[in-house]
């Protein structure tokens, strides 16, 4: 796949990273690289696509600035 090397290099360059994924807007995984469980990575990606609009709506209701970055850290 065309992005596999790019994603692998990205994961190698980020301390503690175990995977990287490119998602469509609806949460469908386009391409991914995972040192561990690729299925778990795809499920987490889909979750984030569904969670991000809720975060944006909450910041809007609270009259906060729009989030420019979202960092999610999972144990295990």
Protein backbone atom coordinates (compact mmCIF):
# COMPACT_ATOMS: atom_id res chain seq x y z
CA UNK A 1 0.00 0.00 0.00
CA UNK A 2 1.25 3.51 -0.80
CA UNK A 3 1.24 5.01 2.72
CA UNK A 4 2.54 2.04 4.71
CA UNK A 5 6.16 3.24 4.76
CA UNK A 6 5.11 6.78 5.66
CA UNK A 7 2.96 5.56 8.55
CA UNK A 8 5.65 3.16 9.74
CA UNK A 9 8.20 6.01 9.76
CA UNK A 10 5.73 8.21 11.65
CA UNK A 11 5.21 5.57 14.31
CA UNK A 12 8.96 5.02 14.60
CA UNK A 13 9.57 8.74 15.10
CA UNK A 14 6.96 9.30 17.86
CA UNK A 15 8.01 8.07 21.29
CA UNK A 16 5.57 5.47 22.60
CA UNK A 17 3.50 5.27 19.41
CA UNK A 18 2.35 1.81 18.36
CA UNK A 19 0.25 2.69 15.34
CA UNK A 20 -0.94 5.34 12.92
CA UNK A 21 -4.03 5.46 10.75
CA UNK A 22 -5.52 7.49 7.91
CA UNK A 23 -9.31 7.73 8.18
CA UNK A 24 -12.13 8.88 5.95
CA UNK A 25 -14.54 11.42 7.44
CA UNK A 26 -17.02 8.64 8.25
CA UNK A 27 -14.42 6.68 10.25
CA UNK A 28 -13.54 4.11 7.61
CA UNK A 29 -9.86 3.18 7.75
CA UNK A 30 -8.10 3.97 4.48
CA UNK A 31 -4.59 2.88 5.48
CA UNK A 32 -2.92 1.95 8.74
CA UNK A 33 0.25 0.64 10.28
CA UNK A 34 0.29 -1.03 13.67
CA UNK A 35 3.01 -2.76 15.66
CA UNK A 36 0.30 -4.42 17.70
CA UNK A 37 -3.40 -5.06 17.01
CA UNK A 38 -4.48 -3.41 13.74
CA UNK A 39 -8.16 -4.16 14.41
CA UNK A 40 -8.05 -2.29 17.72
CA UNK A 41 -6.41 0.67 15.96
CA UNK A 42 -9.20 0.77 13.36
CA UNK A 43 -11.89 0.62 16.07
CA UNK A 44 -10.24 3.44 18.03
CA UNK A 45 -10.03 5.50 14.86
CA UNK A 46 -13.75 5.06 14.21
CA UNK A 47 -14.46 6.04 17.83
CA UNK A 48 -12.45 9.25 17.46
CA UNK A 49 -14.31 10.22 14.29
CA UNK A 50 -17.55 9.95 16.27
CA UNK A 51 -16.19 11.65 19.39
CA UNK A 52 -14.64 14.71 17.72
CA UNK A 53 -17.96 16.36 16.70
CA UNK A 54 -19.14 16.04 20.31
CA UNK A 55 -15.98 17.77 21.53
CA UNK A 56 -16.47 20.56 19.01
CA UNK A 57 -20.12 20.98 20.00
CA UNK A 58 -19.21 21.13 23.69
CA UNK A 59 -16.55 23.78 23.15
CA UNK A 60 -19.03 25.80 21.11
CA UNK A 61 -21.72 25.59 23.82
CA UNK A 62 -19.16 26.63 26.42
CA UNK A 63 -17.95 29.44 24.14
CA UNK A 64 -14.41 28.12 24.07
CA UNK A 65 -12.15 28.26 21.04
CA UNK A 66 -12.33 25.35 18.62
CA UNK A 67 -9.92 22.54 19.43
CA UNK A 68 -6.93 22.52 17.09
CA UNK A 69 -5.38 19.34 18.48
CA UNK A 70 -6.74 16.23 20.09
CA UNK A 71 -4.42 13.89 21.94
CA UNK A 72 -5.81 10.59 23.15
CA UNK A 73 -3.67 8.32 25.26
CA UNK A 74 -4.67 4.75 26.05
CA UNK A 75 -3.16 2.55 28.72
CA UNK A 76 -2.59 -0.99 27.52
